Each structure stands twice: as structure tokens, then as C-alpha cells.
Amino acid sequence: MRESWSVEFMPEAHKAMRKLDREVARRIVERLIWLAEHVQEVVHQPLHGEWIGCFKLRVGYWRVIYSLEHETCTIVVHLVGHRSSIYKQR
């Protein structure tokens, strides 16, 4: 039986999502829903350096930095941003 995962946005990620174009935000949300449904089957792309312990999700030119809380089955979204600047935001 497949575990049910939820998605939680940190305040900074929520703020970034509200600033995005509606279509881009919709695509990101759809991709996160897909990730929550397939979290056990996906090879998560780990990040390094100051983002150690987090993973990236590619959605076109946009990136979602997230971590996995296995105890609560939660995908925690830390940041959402354009690929050219997201890794410099911390």
C-alpha cells in the first residue's frame, strides 16, 4: 500500500509562490502533487553545500528546494525560484 504524503510550504516559499505568474505557479503545484503521489518511486536529486539534506525539483526554468520528513510523510518546500538565482538566496 502506498503512503500518503502531504506538501507543506515554508513562509519564504509561500511568499515566492504568490509572486509567480499564475501559470508557472499552477505547473509547480501540479508537479508537487505528482511528487507527493510518487515520492517512493522518484530518485530525489540531492543538493550540496549549504543545502545539504535538501533536494531539487525541476519545473521548466523554475526550481523547488524541498526536504522529506519521513516521520510525518511530509514534503517541506523551502524555496521556489528561477534556476538562475535560487541557489544564491540563502
PDB file of N, CA and C in Angstrom:
ATOM      1  N   MET A   1       0.833  -1.197   0.000  1.00  0.00           N
ATOM      2  CA  MET A   1       0.000   0.000   0.000  1.00  0.00           C
ATOM      3  C   MET A   1       0.869   1.248   0.000  1.00  0.00           C
ATOM      4  N   ARG A   2       0.521   2.204  -0.778  1.00  0.00           N
ATOM      5  CA  ARG A   2       1.269   3.440  -0.934  1.00  0.00           C
ATOM      6  C   ARG A   2       0.987   4.399   0.217  1.00  0.00           C
ATOM      7  N   GLU A   3       2.065   5.014   0.751  1.00  0.00           N
ATOM      8  CA  GLU A   3       1.897   6.007   1.814  1.00  0.00           C
ATOM      9  C   GLU A   3       1.347   7.302   1.220  1.00  0.00           C
ATOM     10  N   SER A   4       0.586   8.016   2.016  1.00  0.00           N
ATOM     11  CA  SER A   4       0.034   9.290   1.591  1.00  0.00           C
ATOM     12  C   SER A   4       0.920  10.420   2.120  1.00  0.00           C
ATOM     13  N   TRP A   5       1.544  11.155   1.217  1.00  0.00           N
ATOM     14  CA  TRP A   5       2.429  12.256   1.579  1.00  0.00           C
ATOM     15  C   TRP A   5       1.705  13.583   1.373  1.00  0.00           C
ATOM     16  N   SER A   6       2.030  14.552   2.217  1.00  0.00           N
ATOM     17  CA  SER A   6       1.457  15.892   2.075  1.00  0.00           C
ATOM     18  C   SER A   6       2.580  16.872   1.743  1.00  0.00           C
ATOM     19  N   VAL A   7       2.200  18.059   1.298  1.00  0.00           N
ATOM     20  CA  VAL A   7       3.150  19.109   0.937  1.00  0.00           C
ATOM     21  C   VAL A   7       2.923  20.295   1.861  1.00  0.00           C
ATOM     22  N   GLU A   8       4.003  20.794   2.433  1.00  0.00           N
ATOM     23  CA  GLU A   8       3.934  21.948   3.336  1.00  0.00           C
ATOM     24  C   GLU A   8       4.912  23.014   2.839  1.00  0.00           C
ATOM     25  N   PHE A   9       4.439  24.246   2.726  1.00  0.00           N
ATOM     26  CA  PHE A   9       5.279  25.354   2.271  1.00  0.00           C
ATOM     27  C   PHE A   9       5.803  26.139   3.469  1.00  0.00           C
ATOM     28  N   MET A  10       7.097  26.376   3.493  1.00  0.00           N
ATOM     29  CA  MET A  10       7.675  27.273   4.483  1.00  0.00           C
ATOM     30  C   MET A  10       7.261  28.700   4.081  1.00  0.00           C
ATOM     31  N   PRO A  11       7.253  29.657   5.016  1.00  0.00           N
ATOM     32  CA  PRO A  11       6.792  31.015   4.702  1.00  0.00           C
ATOM     33  C   PRO A  11       7.492  31.647   3.496  1.00  0.00           C
ATOM     34  N   GLU A  12       8.794  31.459   3.379  1.00  0.00           N
ATOM     35  CA  GLU A  12       9.529  32.060   2.253  1.00  0.00           C
ATOM     36  C   GLU A  12       9.099  31.455   0.915  1.00  0.00           C
ATOM     37  N   ALA A  13       8.850  30.158   0.890  1.00  0.00           N
ATOM     38  CA  ALA A  13       8.394  29.505  -0.337  1.00  0.00           C
ATOM     39  C   ALA A  13       6.978  29.933  -0.689  1.00  0.00           C
ATOM     40  N   HIS A  14       6.137  30.071   0.318  1.00  0.00           N
ATOM     41  CA  HIS A  14       4.754  30.511   0.096  1.00  0.00           C
ATOM     42  C   HIS A  14       4.745  31.924  -0.494  1.00  0.00           C
ATOM     43  N   LYS A  15       5.573  32.786   0.040  1.00  0.00           N
ATOM     44  CA  LYS A  15       5.675  34.162  -0.453  1.00  0.00           C
ATOM     45  C   LYS A  15       6.142  34.182  -1.910  1.00  0.00           C
ATOM     46  N   ALA A  16       7.130  33.350  -2.232  1.00  0.00           N
ATOM     47  CA  ALA A  16       7.645  33.280  -3.607  1.00  0.00           C
ATOM     48  C   ALA A  16       6.570  32.772  -4.565  1.00  0.00           C
ATOM     49  N   MET A  17       5.776  31.803  -4.131  1.00  0.00           N
ATOM     50  CA  MET A  17       4.714  31.259  -4.991  1.00  0.00           C
ATOM     51  C   MET A  17       3.666  32.323  -5.316  1.00  0.00           C
ATOM     52  N   ARG A  18       3.338  33.157  -4.347  1.00  0.00           N
ATOM     53  CA  ARG A  18       2.331  34.205  -4.585  1.00  0.00           C
ATOM     54  C   ARG A  18       2.813  35.237  -5.596  1.00  0.00           C
ATOM     55  N   LYS A  19       4.124  35.405  -5.735  1.00  0.00           N
ATOM     56  CA  LYS A  19       4.667  36.393  -6.670  1.00  0.00           C
ATOM     57  C   LYS A  19       4.777  35.872  -8.100  1.00  0.00           C
ATOM     58  N   LEU A  20       4.661  34.553  -8.267  1.00  0.00           N
ATOM     59  CA  LEU A  20       4.833  33.956  -9.588  1.00  0.00           C
ATOM     60  C   LEU A  20       3.620  34.180 -10.478  1.00  0.00           C
ATOM     61  N   ASP A  21       3.868  34.100 -11.772  1.00  0.00           N
ATOM     62  CA  ASP A  21       2.802  34.089 -12.769  1.00  0.00           C
ATOM     63  C   ASP A  21       1.885  32.901 -12.461  1.00  0.00           C
ATOM     64  N   ARG A  22       0.587  33.090 -12.616  1.00  0.00           N
ATOM     65  CA  ARG A  22      -0.383  32.040 -12.274  1.00  0.00           C
ATOM     66  C   ARG A  22      -0.084  30.715 -12.965  1.00  0.00           C
ATOM     67  N   GLU A  23       0.263  30.760 -14.225  1.00  0.00           N
ATOM     68  CA  GLU A  23       0.527  29.533 -14.984  1.00  0.00           C
ATOM     69  C   GLU A  23       1.754  28.801 -14.432  1.00  0.00           C
ATOM     70  N   VAL A  24       2.793  29.530 -14.127  1.00  0.00           N
ATOM     71  CA  VAL A  24       4.004  28.923 -13.553  1.00  0.00           C
ATOM     72  C   VAL A  24       3.677  28.313 -12.195  1.00  0.00           C
ATOM     73  N   ALA A  25       2.974  29.045 -11.351  1.00  0.00           N
ATOM     74  CA  ALA A  25       2.594  28.549 -10.027  1.00  0.00           C
ATOM     75  C   ALA A  25       1.733  27.288 -10.149  1.00  0.00           C
ATOM     76  N   ARG A  26       0.819  27.273 -11.111  1.00  0.00           N
ATOM     77  CA  ARG A  26      -0.034  26.102 -11.317  1.00  0.00           C
ATOM     78  C   ARG A  26       0.806  24.885 -11.697  1.00  0.00           C
ATOM     79  N   ARG A  27       1.769  25.076 -12.589  1.00  0.00           N
ATOM     80  CA  ARG A  27       2.638  23.969 -13.004  1.00  0.00           C
ATOM     81  C   ARG A  27       3.454  23.439 -11.836  1.00  0.00           C
ATOM     82  N   ILE A  28       3.932  24.334 -10.988  1.00  0.00           N
ATOM     83  CA  ILE A  28       4.718  23.920  -9.820  1.00  0.00           C
ATOM     84  C   ILE A  28       3.848  23.123  -8.855  1.00  0.00           C
ATOM     85  N   VAL A  29       2.638  23.598  -8.595  1.00  0.00           N
ATOM     86  CA  VAL A  29       1.727  22.886  -7.691  1.00  0.00           C
ATOM     87  C   VAL A  29       1.390  21.508  -8.259  1.00  0.00           C
ATOM     88  N   GLU A  30       1.111  21.426  -9.550  1.00  0.00           N
ATOM     89  CA  GLU A  30       0.806  20.137 -10.169  1.00  0.00           C
ATOM     90  C   GLU A  30       1.973  19.165 -10.027  1.00  0.00           C
ATOM     91  N   ARG A  31       3.178  19.681 -10.207  1.00  0.00           N
ATOM     92  CA  ARG A  31       4.381  18.838 -10.095  1.00  0.00           C
ATOM     93  C   ARG A  31       4.582  18.367  -8.650  1.00  0.00           C
ATOM     94  N   LEU A  32       4.300  19.238  -7.684  1.00  0.00           N
ATOM     95  CA  LEU A  32       4.418  18.852  -6.281  1.00  0.00           C
ATOM     96  C   LEU A  32       3.367  17.803  -5.907  1.00  0.00           C
ATOM     97  N   ILE A  33       2.171  17.922  -6.451  1.00  0.00           N
ATOM     98  CA  ILE A  33       1.133  16.907  -6.216  1.00  0.00           C
ATOM     99  C   ILE A  33       1.588  15.567  -6.783  1.00  0.00           C
ATOM    100  N   TRP A  34       2.150  15.603  -7.981  1.00  0.00           N
ATOM    101  CA  TRP A  34       2.674  14.388  -8.596  1.00  0.00           C
ATOM    102  C   TRP A  34       3.774  13.789  -7.722  1.00  0.00           C
ATOM    103  N   LEU A  35       4.685  14.643  -7.226  1.00  0.00           N
ATOM    104  CA  LEU A  35       5.777  14.171  -6.378  1.00  0.00           C
ATOM    105  C   LEU A  35       5.229  13.506  -5.116  1.00  0.00           C
ATOM    106  N   ALA A  36       4.219  14.096  -4.510  1.00  0.00           N
ATOM    107  CA  ALA A  36       3.620  13.534  -3.294  1.00  0.00           C
ATOM    108  C   ALA A  36       3.018  12.152  -3.566  1.00  0.00           C
ATOM    109  N   GLU A  37       2.516  11.947  -4.764  1.00  0.00           N
ATOM    110  CA  GLU A  37       1.917  10.663  -5.117  1.00  0.00           C
ATOM    111  C   GLU A  37       2.955   9.606  -5.482  1.00  0.00           C
ATOM    112  N   HIS A  38       4.162  10.057  -5.871  1.00  0.00           N
ATOM    113  CA  HIS A  38       5.205   9.136  -6.346  1.00  0.00           C
ATOM    114  C   HIS A  38       6.506   9.245  -5.555  1.00  0.00           C
ATOM    115  N   VAL A  39       6.458   9.770  -4.342  1.00  0.00           N
ATOM    116  CA  VAL A  39       7.671  10.060  -3.582  1.00  0.00           C
ATOM    117  C   VAL A  39       8.556   8.830  -3.370  1.00  0.00           C
ATOM    118  N   GLN A  40       7.970   7.660  -3.251  1.00  0.00           N
ATOM    119  CA  GLN A  40       8.741   6.432  -3.015  1.00  0.00           C
ATOM    120  C   GLN A  40       9.431   5.926  -4.290  1.00  0.00           C
ATOM    121  N   GLU A  41       8.940   6.329  -5.457  1.00  0.00           N
ATOM    122  CA  GLU A  41       9.473   5.826  -6.720  1.00  0.00           C
ATOM    123  C   GLU A  41      10.497   6.763  -7.358  1.00  0.00           C
ATOM    124  N   VAL A  42      10.557   8.001  -6.894  1.00  0.00           N
ATOM    125  CA  VAL A  42      11.394   9.029  -7.510  1.00  0.00           C
ATOM    126  C   VAL A  42      12.814   8.954  -6.977  1.00  0.00           C
ATOM    127  N   VAL A  43      13.790   9.191  -7.861  1.00  0.00           N
ATOM    128  CA  VAL A  43      15.176   9.364  -7.425  1.00  0.00           C
ATOM    129  C   VAL A  43      15.333  10.853  -7.153  1.00  0.00           C
ATOM    130  N   HIS A  44      15.396  11.215  -5.882  1.00  0.00           N
ATOM    131  CA  HIS A  44      15.466  12.622  -5.483  1.00  0.00           C
ATOM    132  C   HIS A  44      16.873  13.151  -5.750  1.00  0.00           C
ATOM    133  N   GLN A  45      16.958  14.364  -6.305  1.00  0.00           N
ATOM    134  CA  GLN A  45      18.241  14.953  -6.663  1.00  0.00           C
ATOM    135  C   GLN A  45      18.776  15.761  -5.486  1.00  0.00           C
ATOM    136  N   PRO A  46      19.782  15.214  -4.772  1.00  0.00           N
ATOM    137  CA  PRO A  46      20.284  15.893  -3.577  1.00  0.00           C
ATOM    138  C   PRO A  46      21.094  17.140  -3.912  1.00  0.00           C
ATOM    139  N   LEU A  47      21.031  18.094  -3.004  1.00  0.00           N
ATOM    140  CA  LEU A  47      21.817  19.310  -3.131  1.00  0.00           C
ATOM    141  C   LEU A  47      23.013  19.227  -2.183  1.00  0.00           C
ATOM    142  N   HIS A  48      23.995  20.096  -2.402  1.00  0.00           N
ATOM    143  CA  HIS A  48      25.231  20.062  -1.634  1.00  0.00           C
ATOM    144  C   HIS A  48      25.478  21.410  -0.967  1.00  0.00           C
ATOM    145  N   GLY A  49      26.567  21.502  -0.241  1.00  0.00           N
ATOM    146  CA  GLY A  49      26.933  22.763   0.397  1.00  0.00           C
ATOM    147  C   GLY A  49      25.940  23.156   1.460  1.00  0.00           C
ATOM    148  N   GLU A  50      25.521  24.402   1.431  1.00  0.00           N
ATOM    149  CA  GLU A  50      24.593  24.890   2.455  1.00  0.00           C
ATOM    150  C   GLU A  50      23.200  24.274   2.329  1.00  0.00           C
ATOM    151  N   TRP A  51      22.928  23.618   1.215  1.00  0.00           N
ATOM    152  CA  TRP A  51      21.616  22.991   1.010  1.00  0.00           C
ATOM    153  C   TRP A  51      21.647  21.490   1.283  1.00  0.00           C
ATOM    154  N   ILE A  52      22.672  21.018   1.953  1.00  0.00           N
ATOM    155  CA  ILE A  52      22.775  19.577   2.236  1.00  0.00           C
ATOM    156  C   ILE A  52      21.539  19.115   3.011  1.00  0.00           C
ATOM    157  N   GLY A  53      21.020  17.976   2.643  1.00  0.00           N
ATOM    158  CA  GLY A  53      19.807  17.449   3.268  1.00  0.00           C
ATOM    159  C   GLY A  53      18.546  17.824   2.513  1.00  0.00           C
ATOM    160  N   CYS A  54      18.697  18.674   1.485  1.00  0.00           N
ATOM    161  CA  CYS A  54      17.554  19.091   0.664  1.00  0.00           C
ATOM    162  C   CYS A  54      17.706  18.527  -0.742  1.00  0.00           C
ATOM    163  N   PHE A  55      16.627  18.598  -1.479  1.00  0.00           N
ATOM    164  CA  PHE A  55      16.601  18.098  -2.846  1.00  0.00           C
ATOM    165  C   PHE A  55      16.032  19.168  -3.764  1.00  0.00           C
ATOM    166  N   LYS A  56      16.272  19.004  -5.078  1.00  0.00           N
ATOM    167  CA  LYS A  56      15.703  19.956  -6.032  1.00  0.00           C
ATOM    168  C   LYS A  56      14.710  19.259  -6.935  1.00  0.00           C
ATOM    169  N   LEU A  57      13.700  20.003  -7.315  1.00  0.00           N
ATOM    170  CA  LEU A  57      12.682  19.547  -8.253  1.00  0.00           C
ATOM    171  C   LEU A  57      12.683  20.543  -9.400  1.00  0.00           C
ATOM    172  N   ARG A  58      12.872  20.056 -10.608  1.00  0.00           N
ATOM    173  CA  ARG A  58      12.892  20.928 -11.780  1.00  0.00           C
ATOM    174  C   ARG A  58      11.494  21.039 -12.364  1.00  0.00           C
ATOM    175  N   VAL A  59      11.088  22.282 -12.625  1.00  0.00           N
ATOM    176  CA  VAL A  59       9.816  22.554 -13.296  1.00  0.00           C
ATOM    177  C   VAL A  59      10.129  23.623 -14.340  1.00  0.00           C
ATOM    178  N   GLY A  60      10.532  23.177 -15.524  1.00  0.00           N
ATOM    179  CA  GLY A  60      10.966  24.124 -16.555  1.00  0.00           C
ATOM    180  C   GLY A  60      12.182  24.894 -16.074  1.00  0.00           C
ATOM    181  N   TYR A  61      12.118  26.233 -16.128  1.00  0.00           N
ATOM    182  CA  TYR A  61      13.228  27.074 -15.675  1.00  0.00           C
ATOM    183  C   TYR A  61      13.164  27.333 -14.175  1.00  0.00           C
ATOM    184  N   TRP A  62      12.200  26.763 -13.493  1.00  0.00           N
ATOM    185  CA  TRP A  62      11.995  27.001 -12.073  1.00  0.00           C
ATOM    186  C   TRP A  62      12.476  25.816 -11.263  1.00  0.00           C
ATOM    187  N   ARG A  63      12.904  26.092 -10.038  1.00  0.00           N
ATOM    188  CA  ARG A  63      13.371  25.048  -9.145  1.00  0.00           C
ATOM    189  C   ARG A  63      12.624  25.133  -7.827  1.00  0.00           C
ATOM    190  N   VAL A  64      12.383  23.977  -7.254  1.00  0.00           N
ATOM    191  CA  VAL A  64      11.767  23.871  -5.936  1.00  0.00           C
ATOM    192  C   VAL A  64      12.780  23.156  -5.053  1.00  0.00           C
ATOM    193  N   ILE A  65      13.170  23.782  -3.957  1.00  0.00           N
ATOM    194  CA  ILE A  65      14.066  23.147  -2.994  1.00  0.00           C
ATOM    195  C   ILE A  65      13.199  22.608  -1.866  1.00  0.00           C
ATOM    196  N   TYR A  66      13.337  21.312  -1.618  1.00  0.00           N
ATOM    197  CA  TYR A  66      12.474  20.667  -0.627  1.00  0.00           C
ATOM    198  C   TYR A  66      13.256  19.656   0.195  1.00  0.00           C
ATOM    199  N   SER A  67      12.677  19.279   1.313  1.00  0.00           N
ATOM    200  CA  SER A  67      13.214  18.197   2.128  1.00  0.00           C
ATOM    201  C   SER A  67      12.086  17.224   2.418  1.00  0.00           C
ATOM    202  N   LEU A  68      12.449  16.041   2.866  1.00  0.00           N
ATOM    203  CA  LEU A  68      11.475  14.997   3.163  1.00  0.00           C
ATOM    204  C   LEU A  68      11.461  14.726   4.658  1.00  0.00           C
ATOM    205  N   GLU A  69      10.285  14.789   5.248  1.00  0.00           N
ATOM    206  CA  GLU A  69      10.091  14.454   6.659  1.00  0.00           C
ATOM    207  C   GLU A  69       9.420  13.081   6.685  1.00  0.00           C
ATOM    208  N   HIS A  70      10.230  12.044   6.808  1.00  0.00           N
ATOM    209  CA  HIS A  70       9.704  10.677   6.729  1.00  0.00           C
ATOM    210  C   HIS A  70       8.780  10.329   7.888  1.00  0.00           C
ATOM    211  N   GLU A  71       9.036  10.902   9.061  1.00  0.00           N
ATOM    212  CA  GLU A  71       8.213  10.590  10.229  1.00  0.00           C
ATOM    213  C   GLU A  71       6.757  11.018  10.026  1.00  0.00           C
ATOM    214  N   THR A  72       6.572  12.173   9.371  1.00  0.00           N
ATOM    215  CA  THR A  72       5.223  12.710   9.169  1.00  0.00           C
ATOM    216  C   THR A  72       4.741  12.577   7.723  1.00  0.00           C
ATOM    217  N   CYS A  73       5.564  11.964   6.865  1.00  0.00           N
ATOM    218  CA  CYS A  73       5.243  11.820   5.435  1.00  0.00           C
ATOM    219  C   CYS A  73       4.900  13.187   4.831  1.00  0.00           C
ATOM    220  N   THR A  74       5.817  14.137   5.024  1.00  0.00           N
ATOM    221  CA  THR A  74       5.599  15.491   4.538  1.00  0.00           C
ATOM    222  C   THR A  74       6.758  15.926   3.643  1.00  0.00           C
ATOM    223  N   ILE A  75       6.402  16.527   2.514  1.00  0.00           N
ATOM    224  CA  ILE A  75       7.382  17.185   1.654  1.00  0.00           C
ATOM    225  C   ILE A  75       7.382  18.641   2.089  1.00  0.00           C
ATOM    226  N   VAL A  76       8.508  19.128   2.585  1.00  0.00           N
ATOM    227  CA  VAL A  76       8.606  20.508   3.059  1.00  0.00           C
ATOM    228  C   VAL A  76       9.291  21.342   1.981  1.00  0.00           C
ATOM    229  N   VAL A  77       8.565  22.305   1.429  1.00  0.00           N
ATOM    230  CA  VAL A  77       9.092  23.175   0.379  1.00  0.00           C
ATOM    231  C   VAL A  77       9.736  24.381   1.056  1.00  0.00           C
ATOM    232  N   HIS A  78      11.059  24.519   0.855  1.00  0.00           N
ATOM    233  CA  HIS A  78      11.817  25.594   1.489  1.00  0.00           C
ATOM    234  C   HIS A  78      11.882  26.846   0.610  1.00  0.00           C
ATOM    235  N   LEU A  79      12.124  26.646  -0.682  1.00  0.00           N
ATOM    236  CA  LEU A  79      12.256  27.778  -1.602  1.00  0.00           C
ATOM    237  C   LEU A  79      11.709  27.411  -2.971  1.00  0.00           C
ATOM    238  N   VAL A  80      11.228  28.413  -3.671  1.00  0.00           N
ATOM    239  CA  VAL A  80      10.807  28.285  -5.064  1.00  0.00           C
ATOM    240  C   VAL A  80      11.397  29.480  -5.785  1.00  0.00           C
ATOM    241  N   GLY A  81      12.054  29.233  -6.910  1.00  0.00           N
ATOM    242  CA  GLY A  81      12.629  30.365  -7.637  1.00  0.00           C
ATOM    243  C   GLY A  81      13.180  29.963  -8.986  1.00  0.00           C
ATOM    244  N   HIS A  82      13.623  30.958  -9.729  1.00  0.00           N
ATOM    245  CA  HIS A  82      14.202  30.742 -11.046  1.00  0.00           C
ATOM    246  C   HIS A  82      15.558  30.073 -10.894  1.00  0.00           C
ATOM    247  N   ARG A  83      15.905  29.220 -11.830  1.00  0.00           N
ATOM    248  CA  ARG A  83      17.139  28.450 -11.730  1.00  0.00           C
ATOM    249  C   ARG A  83      18.388  29.325 -11.673  1.00  0.00           C
ATOM    250  N   SER A  84      18.313  30.532 -12.206  1.00  0.00           N
ATOM    251  CA  SER A  84      19.486  31.413 -12.248  1.00  0.00           C
ATOM    252  C   SER A  84      19.805  32.037 -10.900  1.00  0.00           C
ATOM    253  N   SER A  85      18.828  32.046  -9.975  1.00  0.00           N
ATOM    254  CA  SER A  85      19.080  32.741  -8.718  1.00  0.00           C
ATOM    255  C   SER A  85      18.701  31.992  -7.449  1.00  0.00           C
ATOM    256  N   ILE A  86      18.045  30.873  -7.565  1.00  0.00           N
ATOM    257  CA  ILE A  86      17.510  30.209  -6.361  1.00  0.00           C
ATOM    258  C   ILE A  86      18.595  29.734  -5.415  1.00  0.00           C
ATOM    259  N   TYR A  87      19.731  29.270  -5.914  1.00  0.00           N
ATOM    260  CA  TYR A  87      20.753  28.720  -5.037  1.00  0.00           C
ATOM    261  C   TYR A  87      21.539  29.807  -4.313  1.00  0.00           C
ATOM    262  N   LYS A  88      21.331  31.053  -4.682  1.00  0.00           N
ATOM    263  CA  LYS A  88      22.031  32.189  -4.060  1.00  0.00           C
ATOM    264  C   LYS A  88      21.188  32.849  -2.987  1.00  0.00           C
ATOM    265  N   GLN A  89      19.963  32.366  -2.738  1.00  0.00           N
ATOM    266  CA  GLN A  89      19.013  33.046  -1.878  1.00  0.00           C
ATOM    267  C   GLN A  89      19.199  32.793  -0.398  1.00  0.00           C
ATOM    268  N   ARG A  90      20.006  31.854   0.002  1.00  0.00           N
ATOM    269  CA  ARG A  90      20.098  31.527   1.420  1.00  0.00           C
ATOM    270  C   ARG A  90      21.024  32.425   2.157  1.00  0.00           C
TER     271      ARG A  90
END
